[in-house]
């Protein structure tokens, strides 16, 4: 969705993105870099804090599942998850998401317009903090970069993965032992309060910061309040 390369023949899976997170830590984690090899003892593993939003929350749950298996080369000290449909069956996808997932998704991706994007993207912002023209322009430019506009039918595939791997990822939310905190825009029309309730049913002990007047992108709508939640998660 951003400035990274977007090859047309690639499968944009959440497992692949979890691999990418591991590779990022492998390259930049001080403990692993000093050893110069691909494995490390627990004392030498980099300690990281996961912060994820939207699609990234499912990347986070895959990393949690790997942590439970003992297969990670890093130590996840905790996680802060913002609005994301981790329990996909409880979510309310936008019209655009439903179309991109349908049989006409490839055709619709090719001919999707900025006007339609602005309408759909703007619909997930709260009335109190509507999408600005500047933000809409930036987001559209990022989606179009590298031909990404024509790949929406492929990048939306993560929604199907959430159903296929629900047992694994819901189990990770339930069983992962590290501190888990949630920060949620309560006016989100996609990852609604129903999604939050479903996550809390799996993880009743999770601490929740509710932003009663914010939508799907609380970090864009009110970054200062999200920063407070982040500082609190880091201090936990």
Protein backbone atom coordinates (compact mmCIF):
# COMPACT_ATOMS: atom_id res chain seq x y z
CA UNK A 1 0.00 0.00 0.00
CA UNK A 2 3.00 2.32 0.16
CA UNK A 3 6.27 2.95 -1.67
CA UNK A 4 7.56 -0.63 -1.64
CA UNK A 5 7.81 -2.62 -4.87
CA UNK A 6 4.58 -4.25 -6.01
CA UNK A 7 5.29 -7.12 -8.42
CA UNK A 8 2.17 -8.37 -10.19
CA UNK A 9 3.07 -12.05 -9.86
CA UNK A 10 3.56 -11.97 -6.08
CA UNK A 11 1.19 -13.51 -3.53
CA UNK A 12 0.66 -10.86 -0.87
CA UNK A 13 0.01 -13.15 2.10
CA UNK A 14 0.04 -12.34 5.78
CA UNK A 15 2.46 -15.19 6.43
CA UNK A 16 4.86 -13.61 3.94
CA UNK A 17 4.49 -10.28 5.70
CA UNK A 18 5.25 -11.94 9.04
CA UNK A 19 8.38 -13.39 7.39
CA UNK A 20 9.25 -9.86 6.32
CA UNK A 21 8.96 -8.59 9.91
CA UNK A 22 11.28 -11.36 11.05
CA UNK A 23 13.76 -10.47 8.32
CA UNK A 24 13.64 -6.80 9.30
CA UNK A 25 14.49 -7.67 12.89
CA UNK A 26 17.12 -10.14 11.74
CA UNK A 27 18.88 -7.42 9.76
CA UNK A 28 18.65 -4.71 12.36
CA UNK A 29 18.47 -6.55 15.70
CA UNK A 30 21.70 -5.76 17.51
CA UNK A 31 22.04 -9.16 19.19
CA UNK A 32 21.67 -11.15 15.98
CA UNK A 33 23.89 -8.81 14.02
CA UNK A 34 26.72 -9.29 16.51
CA UNK A 35 26.49 -13.05 16.29
CA UNK A 36 26.41 -13.00 12.50
CA UNK A 37 24.27 -16.09 12.21
CA UNK A 38 20.59 -16.95 12.03
CA UNK A 39 19.96 -18.23 15.56
CA UNK A 40 20.49 -16.81 19.01
CA UNK A 41 19.99 -17.80 22.60
CA UNK A 42 17.07 -16.12 24.43
CA UNK A 43 19.48 -13.73 26.17
CA UNK A 44 20.84 -12.55 22.81
CA UNK A 45 17.54 -12.15 20.96
CA UNK A 46 16.37 -8.61 20.18
CA UNK A 47 13.44 -7.46 22.32
CA UNK A 48 10.75 -5.70 20.34
CA UNK A 49 7.34 -4.17 20.89
CA UNK A 50 4.70 -4.93 18.27
CA UNK A 51 2.45 -2.04 17.24
CA UNK A 52 -0.05 -2.92 14.52
CA UNK A 53 -3.14 -1.56 12.82
CA UNK A 54 -5.73 -2.95 10.41
CA UNK A 55 -4.24 -5.71 8.23
CA UNK A 56 -1.12 -5.55 10.39
CA UNK A 57 -2.99 -6.86 13.42
CA UNK A 58 -3.24 -10.25 11.71
CA UNK A 59 0.47 -10.14 10.89
CA UNK A 60 0.93 -9.56 14.62
CA UNK A 61 -1.23 -12.57 15.56
CA UNK A 62 0.81 -14.77 13.21
CA UNK A 63 3.97 -13.59 14.98
CA UNK A 64 2.30 -14.36 18.30
CA UNK A 65 1.50 -17.86 17.03
CA UNK A 66 5.13 -18.34 16.04
CA UNK A 67 6.20 -17.10 19.45
CA UNK A 68 3.97 -19.73 21.07
CA UNK A 69 5.67 -22.35 18.89
CA UNK A 70 9.08 -21.10 20.01
CA UNK A 71 10.19 -20.46 16.43
CA UNK A 72 10.97 -16.74 16.65
CA UNK A 73 14.52 -15.38 16.75
CA UNK A 74 13.29 -12.31 18.60
CA UNK A 75 11.54 -11.69 21.90
CA UNK A 76 8.21 -9.89 21.68
CA UNK A 77 7.88 -8.01 24.96
CA UNK A 78 4.30 -6.92 24.30
CA UNK A 79 1.86 -5.70 21.67
CA UNK A 80 -0.44 -2.75 21.05
CA UNK A 81 -3.11 -3.44 18.44
CA UNK A 82 -5.28 -0.73 16.89
CA UNK A 83 -8.48 -1.16 14.90
CA UNK A 84 -8.16 -4.37 12.90
CA UNK A 85 -10.65 -7.08 11.95
CA UNK A 86 -8.77 -9.90 13.65
CA UNK A 87 -12.09 -11.72 13.98
CA UNK A 88 -13.12 -11.27 10.36
CA UNK A 89 -16.55 -12.79 10.79
CA UNK A 90 -17.51 -9.94 13.12
CA UNK A 91 -16.34 -7.19 10.75
CA UNK A 92 -18.32 -5.09 8.28
CA UNK A 93 -16.24 -4.72 5.09
CA UNK A 94 -16.67 -1.64 2.91
CA UNK A 95 -18.31 -1.83 -0.50
CA UNK A 96 -14.90 -1.54 -2.16
CA UNK A 97 -13.51 -4.44 -0.12
CA UNK A 98 -16.46 -6.63 -1.07
CA UNK A 99 -16.07 -5.82 -4.75
CA UNK A 100 -12.30 -6.39 -4.77
CA UNK A 101 -12.91 -9.85 -3.25
CA UNK A 102 -15.56 -10.73 -5.83
CA UNK A 103 -15.04 -12.36 -9.28
CA UNK A 104 -14.96 -8.91 -10.88
CA UNK A 105 -12.23 -7.76 -8.49
CA UNK A 106 -9.38 -7.81 -11.06
CA UNK A 107 -11.40 -5.75 -13.54
CA UNK A 108 -12.60 -3.35 -10.86
CA UNK A 109 -9.02 -2.86 -9.65
CA UNK A 110 -7.89 -1.87 -13.11
CA UNK A 111 -10.59 0.75 -13.53
CA UNK A 112 -10.97 2.02 -9.96
CA UNK A 113 -10.92 5.81 -9.72
CA UNK A 114 -9.61 8.37 -7.28
CA UNK A 115 -13.15 9.65 -6.77
CA UNK A 116 -14.38 6.22 -5.66
CA UNK A 117 -11.31 5.76 -3.46
CA UNK A 118 -11.88 9.07 -1.71
CA UNK A 119 -15.52 8.20 -1.03
CA UNK A 120 -14.71 4.75 0.35
CA UNK A 121 -11.62 5.78 2.30
CA UNK A 122 -13.37 8.81 3.73
CA UNK A 123 -16.26 6.66 4.95
CA UNK A 124 -14.10 5.01 7.63
CA UNK A 125 -13.18 8.32 9.28
CA UNK A 126 -15.24 9.75 12.10
CA UNK A 127 -17.57 12.74 11.62
CA UNK A 128 -15.53 14.63 14.20
CA UNK A 129 -12.26 14.07 12.30
CA UNK A 130 -13.11 13.72 8.59
CA UNK A 131 -10.61 12.79 5.93
CA UNK A 132 -8.74 15.87 4.71
CA UNK A 133 -8.00 16.56 1.06
CA UNK A 134 -4.28 16.48 1.79
CA UNK A 135 -4.47 13.06 3.47
CA UNK A 136 -6.66 11.68 0.69
CA UNK A 137 -4.22 12.90 -1.94
CA UNK A 138 -1.27 11.34 -0.11
CA UNK A 139 -3.01 7.99 0.39
CA UNK A 140 -4.12 7.80 -3.24
CA UNK A 141 -0.57 8.54 -4.39
CA UNK A 142 0.76 5.73 -2.18
CA UNK A 143 -1.76 3.24 -3.52
CA UNK A 144 -0.98 4.20 -7.12
CA UNK A 145 2.80 4.02 -6.62
CA UNK A 146 4.37 1.15 -8.54
CA UNK A 147 1.09 0.20 -10.17
CA UNK A 148 -0.50 -0.71 -6.85
CA UNK A 149 -3.93 0.61 -7.82
CA UNK A 150 -4.39 -2.33 -10.18
CA UNK A 151 -3.47 -4.90 -7.51
CA UNK A 152 -6.24 -4.24 -5.00
CA UNK A 153 -7.84 -7.62 -5.74
CA UNK A 154 -4.56 -9.29 -4.69
CA UNK A 155 -3.73 -7.17 -1.65
CA UNK A 156 -7.25 -7.71 -0.26
CA UNK A 157 -6.63 -11.47 -0.11
CA UNK A 158 -5.71 -11.14 3.57
CA UNK A 159 -9.44 -11.10 4.41
CA UNK A 160 -9.76 -14.68 3.19
CA UNK A 161 -6.66 -15.67 5.13
CA UNK A 162 -8.30 -14.46 8.32
CA UNK A 163 -11.03 -17.04 7.82
CA UNK A 164 -8.68 -19.86 6.78
CA UNK A 165 -6.27 -19.36 9.69
CA UNK A 166 -8.83 -18.31 12.28
CA UNK A 167 -8.12 -21.23 14.61
CA UNK A 168 -4.40 -20.45 14.66
CA UNK A 169 -4.69 -16.68 15.00
CA UNK A 170 -7.61 -16.65 17.43
CA UNK A 171 -5.71 -19.19 19.50
CA UNK A 172 -2.71 -16.88 19.55
CA UNK A 173 -4.85 -13.99 20.80
CA UNK A 174 -6.17 -16.27 23.53
CA UNK A 175 -2.99 -18.06 24.60
CA UNK A 176 -0.08 -15.69 24.01
CA UNK A 177 1.35 -14.85 27.43
CA UNK A 178 2.90 -11.41 26.86
CA UNK A 179 1.09 -8.13 27.65
CA UNK A 180 -1.52 -7.30 25.00
CA UNK A 181 -3.18 -3.89 24.81
CA UNK A 182 -5.83 -2.57 22.44
CA UNK A 183 -6.48 1.02 21.33
CA UNK A 184 -9.75 1.33 19.43
CA UNK A 185 -11.59 4.01 17.49
CA UNK A 186 -15.17 3.26 18.47
CA UNK A 187 -16.78 4.98 15.46
CA UNK A 188 -15.04 2.58 13.06
CA UNK A 189 -17.66 1.24 10.58
CA UNK A 190 -15.45 -1.73 9.55
CA UNK A 191 -13.59 -3.03 12.62
CA UNK A 192 -16.61 -2.16 14.70
CA UNK A 193 -17.28 -2.48 18.42
CA UNK A 194 -18.52 -5.98 17.57
CA UNK A 195 -14.99 -6.88 16.44
CA UNK A 196 -13.52 -5.44 19.62
CA UNK A 197 -15.97 -7.47 21.70
CA UNK A 198 -15.02 -10.63 19.78
CA UNK A 199 -11.32 -10.00 20.46
CA UNK A 200 -12.03 -9.38 24.15
CA UNK A 201 -14.01 -12.60 24.30
CA UNK A 202 -10.81 -14.37 23.27
CA UNK A 203 -8.61 -12.21 25.50
CA UNK A 204 -10.66 -10.76 28.40
CA UNK A 205 -7.51 -9.59 30.20
CA UNK A 206 -6.41 -7.26 27.39
CA UNK A 207 -6.26 -3.63 28.44
CA UNK A 208 -8.35 -1.38 26.20
CA UNK A 209 -8.16 2.31 25.40
CA UNK A 210 -11.42 3.35 23.77
CA UNK A 211 -11.47 6.46 21.59
CA UNK A 212 -15.19 7.17 21.60
CA UNK A 213 -15.09 9.81 18.85
CA UNK A 214 -12.50 8.30 16.46
CA UNK A 215 -12.89 6.03 13.45
CA UNK A 216 -10.80 3.38 11.74
CA UNK A 217 -7.57 5.41 11.64
CA UNK A 218 -7.16 6.82 15.15
CA UNK A 219 -3.43 7.39 14.52
CA UNK A 220 -4.32 9.76 11.67
CA UNK A 221 -7.35 11.37 13.29
CA UNK A 222 -5.73 12.11 16.66
CA UNK A 223 -2.06 11.08 16.76
CA UNK A 224 -1.46 12.68 20.15
CA UNK A 225 -4.00 10.46 21.90
CA UNK A 226 -2.64 7.39 20.17
CA UNK A 227 0.87 8.42 21.28
CA UNK A 228 -0.37 8.47 24.89
CA UNK A 229 -1.71 4.91 24.47
CA UNK A 230 1.59 3.84 22.91
CA UNK A 231 3.63 5.31 25.74
CA UNK A 232 1.41 3.49 28.20
CA UNK A 233 1.91 0.19 26.37
CA UNK A 234 5.68 0.68 26.30
CA UNK A 235 5.71 1.36 30.02
CA UNK A 236 3.67 -1.76 30.86
